[in-house]
PDB file of N, CA and C in Angstrom:
ATOM      1  N   MET A   1      23.123  -5.228   6.665  1.00  0.00           N
ATOM      2  CA  MET A   1      22.550  -4.785   5.403  1.00  0.00           C
ATOM      3  C   MET A   1      21.754  -5.945   4.785  1.00  0.00           C
ATOM      4  N   VAL A   2      20.596  -5.626   4.266  1.00  0.00           N
ATOM      5  CA  VAL A   2      19.744  -6.628   3.634  1.00  0.00           C
ATOM      6  C   VAL A   2      20.189  -6.798   2.182  1.00  0.00           C
ATOM      7  N   ARG A   3      20.383  -8.045   1.788  1.00  0.00           N
ATOM      8  CA  ARG A   3      20.764  -8.327   0.399  1.00  0.00           C
ATOM      9  C   ARG A   3      19.529  -8.222  -0.484  1.00  0.00           C
ATOM     10  N   LYS A   4      19.665  -7.546  -1.596  1.00  0.00           N
ATOM     11  CA  LYS A   4      18.570  -7.422  -2.555  1.00  0.00           C
ATOM     12  C   LYS A   4      19.049  -7.939  -3.904  1.00  0.00           C
ATOM     13  N   ASP A   5      18.199  -8.749  -4.534  1.00  0.00           N
ATOM     14  CA  ASP A   5      18.493  -9.292  -5.854  1.00  0.00           C
ATOM     15  C   ASP A   5      17.601  -8.633  -6.889  1.00  0.00           C
ATOM     16  N   LYS A   6      18.151  -8.356  -8.044  1.00  0.00           N
ATOM     17  CA  LYS A   6      17.358  -7.814  -9.156  1.00  0.00           C
ATOM     18  C   LYS A   6      16.704  -8.962  -9.901  1.00  0.00           C
ATOM     19  N   ILE A   7      15.431  -8.753 -10.273  1.00  0.00           N
ATOM     20  CA  ILE A   7      14.691  -9.743 -11.058  1.00  0.00           C
ATOM     21  C   ILE A   7      13.930  -9.016 -12.156  1.00  0.00           C
ATOM     22  N   THR A   8      13.453  -9.769 -13.104  1.00  0.00           N
ATOM     23  CA  THR A   8      12.600  -9.224 -14.156  1.00  0.00           C
ATOM     24  C   THR A   8      11.288  -9.984 -14.106  1.00  0.00           C
ATOM     25  N   ILE A   9      10.176  -9.243 -14.094  1.00  0.00           N
ATOM     26  CA  ILE A   9       8.854  -9.862 -14.069  1.00  0.00           C
ATOM     27  C   ILE A   9       7.941  -9.168 -15.066  1.00  0.00           C
ATOM     28  N   SER A  10       6.901  -9.857 -15.467  1.00  0.00           N
ATOM     29  CA  SER A  10       5.861  -9.274 -16.317  1.00  0.00           C
ATOM     30  C   SER A  10       4.634  -9.064 -15.440  1.00  0.00           C
ATOM     31  N   VAL A  11       4.071  -7.863 -15.516  1.00  0.00           N
ATOM     32  CA  VAL A  11       2.947  -7.501 -14.655  1.00  0.00           C
ATOM     33  C   VAL A  11       1.862  -6.847 -15.507  1.00  0.00           C
ATOM     34  N   ASP A  12       0.627  -7.153 -15.178  1.00  0.00           N
ATOM     35  CA  ASP A  12      -0.520  -6.577 -15.874  1.00  0.00           C
ATOM     36  C   ASP A  12      -0.428  -5.042 -15.879  1.00  0.00           C
ATOM     37  N   HIS A  13      -0.717  -4.456 -17.020  1.00  0.00           N
ATOM     38  CA  HIS A  13      -0.607  -3.006 -17.198  1.00  0.00           C
ATOM     39  C   HIS A  13      -1.432  -2.233 -16.160  1.00  0.00           C
ATOM     40  N   ASP A  14      -2.640  -2.687 -15.860  1.00  0.00           N
ATOM     41  CA  ASP A  14      -3.483  -1.987 -14.895  1.00  0.00           C
ATOM     42  C   ASP A  14      -2.874  -1.991 -13.492  1.00  0.00           C
ATOM     43  N   LEU A  15      -2.195  -3.070 -13.135  1.00  0.00           N
ATOM     44  CA  LEU A  15      -1.535  -3.117 -11.828  1.00  0.00           C
ATOM     45  C   LEU A  15      -0.371  -2.133 -11.762  1.00  0.00           C
ATOM     46  N   ILE A  16       0.367  -2.023 -12.850  1.00  0.00           N
ATOM     47  CA  ILE A  16       1.476  -1.065 -12.885  1.00  0.00           C
ATOM     48  C   ILE A  16       0.952   0.367 -12.810  1.00  0.00           C
ATOM     49  N   LYS A  17      -0.134   0.652 -13.514  1.00  0.00           N
ATOM     50  CA  LYS A  17      -0.728   1.997 -13.431  1.00  0.00           C
ATOM     51  C   LYS A  17      -1.136   2.304 -12.001  1.00  0.00           C
ATOM     52  N   TRP A  18      -1.778   1.332 -11.334  1.00  0.00           N
ATOM     53  CA  TRP A  18      -2.192   1.525  -9.942  1.00  0.00           C
ATOM     54  C   TRP A  18      -0.965   1.753  -9.050  1.00  0.00           C
ATOM     55  N   LEU A  19       0.059   0.929  -9.246  1.00  0.00           N
ATOM     56  CA  LEU A  19       1.268   1.054  -8.433  1.00  0.00           C
ATOM     57  C   LEU A  19       1.934   2.410  -8.647  1.00  0.00           C
ATOM     58  N   ASP A  20       2.020   2.855  -9.873  1.00  0.00           N
ATOM     59  CA  ASP A  20       2.611   4.166 -10.165  1.00  0.00           C
ATOM     60  C   ASP A  20       1.823   5.281  -9.489  1.00  0.00           C
ATOM     61  N   THR A  21       0.500   5.144  -9.445  1.00  0.00           N
ATOM     62  CA  THR A  21      -0.327   6.126  -8.748  1.00  0.00           C
ATOM     63  C   THR A  21      -0.004   6.142  -7.261  1.00  0.00           C
ATOM     64  N   GLN A  22       0.179   4.955  -6.685  1.00  0.00           N
ATOM     65  CA  GLN A  22       0.513   4.868  -5.262  1.00  0.00           C
ATOM     66  C   GLN A  22       1.889   5.476  -4.976  1.00  0.00           C
ATOM     67  N   VAL A  23       2.811   5.312  -5.897  1.00  0.00           N
ATOM     68  CA  VAL A  23       4.133   5.931  -5.745  1.00  0.00           C
ATOM     69  C   VAL A  23       4.001   7.446  -5.803  1.00  0.00           C
ATOM     70  N   LYS A  24       3.206   7.950  -6.730  1.00  0.00           N
ATOM     71  CA  LYS A  24       3.003   9.403  -6.829  1.00  0.00           C
ATOM     72  C   LYS A  24       2.348   9.969  -5.578  1.00  0.00           C
ATOM     73  N   LYS A  25       1.466   9.181  -4.956  1.00  0.00           N
ATOM     74  CA  LYS A  25       0.800   9.592  -3.705  1.00  0.00           C
ATOM     75  C   LYS A  25       1.710   9.416  -2.489  1.00  0.00           C
ATOM     76  N   LYS A  26       2.910   8.887  -2.723  1.00  0.00           N
ATOM     77  CA  LYS A  26       3.913   8.649  -1.690  1.00  0.00           C
ATOM     78  C   LYS A  26       3.531   7.529  -0.718  1.00  0.00           C
ATOM     79  N   ARG A  27       2.642   6.633  -1.138  1.00  0.00           N
ATOM     80  CA  ARG A  27       2.349   5.452  -0.321  1.00  0.00           C
ATOM     81  C   ARG A  27       3.571   4.523  -0.330  1.00  0.00           C
ATOM     82  N   PHE A  28       4.239   4.435  -1.496  1.00  0.00           N
ATOM     83  CA  PHE A  28       5.475   3.675  -1.649  1.00  0.00           C
ATOM     84  C   PHE A  28       6.517   4.613  -2.232  1.00  0.00           C
ATOM     85  N   CYS A  29       7.778   4.360  -1.879  1.00  0.00           N
ATOM     86  CA  CYS A  29       8.825   5.250  -2.415  1.00  0.00           C
ATOM     87  C   CYS A  29       9.250   4.864  -3.825  1.00  0.00           C
ATOM     88  N   SER A  30       8.870   3.626  -4.262  1.00  0.00           N
ATOM     89  CA  SER A  30       9.221   3.168  -5.603  1.00  0.00           C
ATOM     90  C   SER A  30       8.360   1.954  -5.959  1.00  0.00           C
ATOM     91  N   ARG A  31       8.437   1.543  -7.213  1.00  0.00           N
ATOM     92  CA  ARG A  31       7.756   0.315  -7.620  1.00  0.00           C
ATOM     93  C   ARG A  31       8.294  -0.868  -6.818  1.00  0.00           C
ATOM     94  N   SER A  32       9.612  -0.908  -6.665  1.00  0.00           N
ATOM     95  CA  SER A  32      10.219  -2.011  -5.912  1.00  0.00           C
ATOM     96  C   SER A  32       9.677  -2.074  -4.496  1.00  0.00           C
ATOM     97  N   HIS A  33       9.543  -0.936  -3.868  1.00  0.00           N
ATOM     98  CA  HIS A  33       8.998  -0.883  -2.510  1.00  0.00           C
ATOM     99  C   HIS A  33       7.574  -1.434  -2.492  1.00  0.00           C
ATOM    100  N   GLY A  34       6.776  -1.074  -3.472  1.00  0.00           N
ATOM    101  CA  GLY A  34       5.399  -1.568  -3.556  1.00  0.00           C
ATOM    102  C   GLY A  34       5.344  -3.079  -3.706  1.00  0.00           C
ATOM    103  N   PHE A  35       6.203  -3.624  -4.558  1.00  0.00           N
ATOM    104  CA  PHE A  35       6.236  -5.079  -4.740  1.00  0.00           C
ATOM    105  C   PHE A  35       6.728  -5.775  -3.473  1.00  0.00           C
ATOM    106  N   GLU A  36       7.758  -5.215  -2.832  1.00  0.00           N
ATOM    107  CA  GLU A  36       8.251  -5.811  -1.590  1.00  0.00           C
ATOM    108  C   GLU A  36       7.162  -5.825  -0.527  1.00  0.00           C
ATOM    109  N   TYR A  37       6.429  -4.737  -0.427  1.00  0.00           N
ATOM    110  CA  TYR A  37       5.330  -4.655   0.542  1.00  0.00           C
ATOM    111  C   TYR A  37       4.279  -5.729   0.250  1.00  0.00           C
ATOM    112  N   ALA A  38       3.877  -5.840  -1.004  1.00  0.00           N
ATOM    113  CA  ALA A  38       2.853  -6.824  -1.384  1.00  0.00           C
ATOM    114  C   ALA A  38       3.323  -8.251  -1.108  1.00  0.00           C
ATOM    115  N   PHE A  39       4.565  -8.548  -1.483  1.00  0.00           N
ATOM    116  CA  PHE A  39       5.089  -9.898  -1.252  1.00  0.00           C
ATOM    117  C   PHE A  39       5.216 -10.196   0.237  1.00  0.00           C
ATOM    118  N   SER A  40       5.613  -9.221   1.028  1.00  0.00           N
ATOM    119  CA  SER A  40       5.738  -9.467   2.472  1.00  0.00           C
ATOM    120  C   SER A  40       4.373  -9.713   3.103  1.00  0.00           C
ATOM    121  N   LYS A  41       3.346  -8.991   2.647  1.00  0.00           N
ATOM    122  CA  LYS A  41       1.987  -9.225   3.148  1.00  0.00           C
ATOM    123  C   LYS A  41       1.494 -10.609   2.755  1.00  0.00           C
ATOM    124  N   PHE A  42       1.744 -11.006   1.530  1.00  0.00           N
ATOM    125  CA  PHE A  42       1.349 -12.330   1.067  1.00  0.00           C
ATOM    126  C   PHE A  42       2.062 -13.412   1.878  1.00  0.00           C
ATOM    127  N   LYS A  43       3.336 -13.189   2.144  1.00  0.00           N
ATOM    128  CA  LYS A  43       4.132 -14.146   2.926  1.00  0.00           C
ATOM    129  C   LYS A  43       3.559 -14.284   4.334  1.00  0.00           C
ATOM    130  N   GLU A  44       3.189 -13.154   4.955  1.00  0.00           N
ATOM    131  CA  GLU A  44       2.600 -13.175   6.296  1.00  0.00           C
ATOM    132  C   GLU A  44       1.297 -13.975   6.322  1.00  0.00           C
ATOM    133  N   GLU A  45       0.465 -13.779   5.310  1.00  0.00           N
ATOM    134  CA  GLU A  45      -0.824 -14.476   5.234  1.00  0.00           C
ATOM    135  C   GLU A  45      -0.641 -15.967   4.978  1.00  0.00           C
ATOM    136  N   ASP A  46       0.471 -16.341   4.376  1.00  0.00           N
ATOM    137  CA  ASP A  46       0.716 -17.733   3.998  1.00  0.00           C
ATOM    138  C   ASP A  46       1.214 -18.585   5.179  1.00  0.00           C
ATOM    139  N   LYS A  47       1.548 -17.936   6.271  1.00  0.00           N
ATOM    140  CA  LYS A  47       2.067 -18.677   7.440  1.00  0.00           C
ATOM    141  C   LYS A  47       1.004 -19.514   8.106  1.00  0.00           C
TER     142      LYS A  47
END
């Protein structure tokens, strides 16, 4: 099982609106999923 930690962040309103749209389109199952996807892509590019 993967350990997940809860955090609190502040995010630009327009980014949240975009993310919510992507969740409604079923690209991501939740906001958390969208953030995890974005962070994992950033991590991959940083290698």
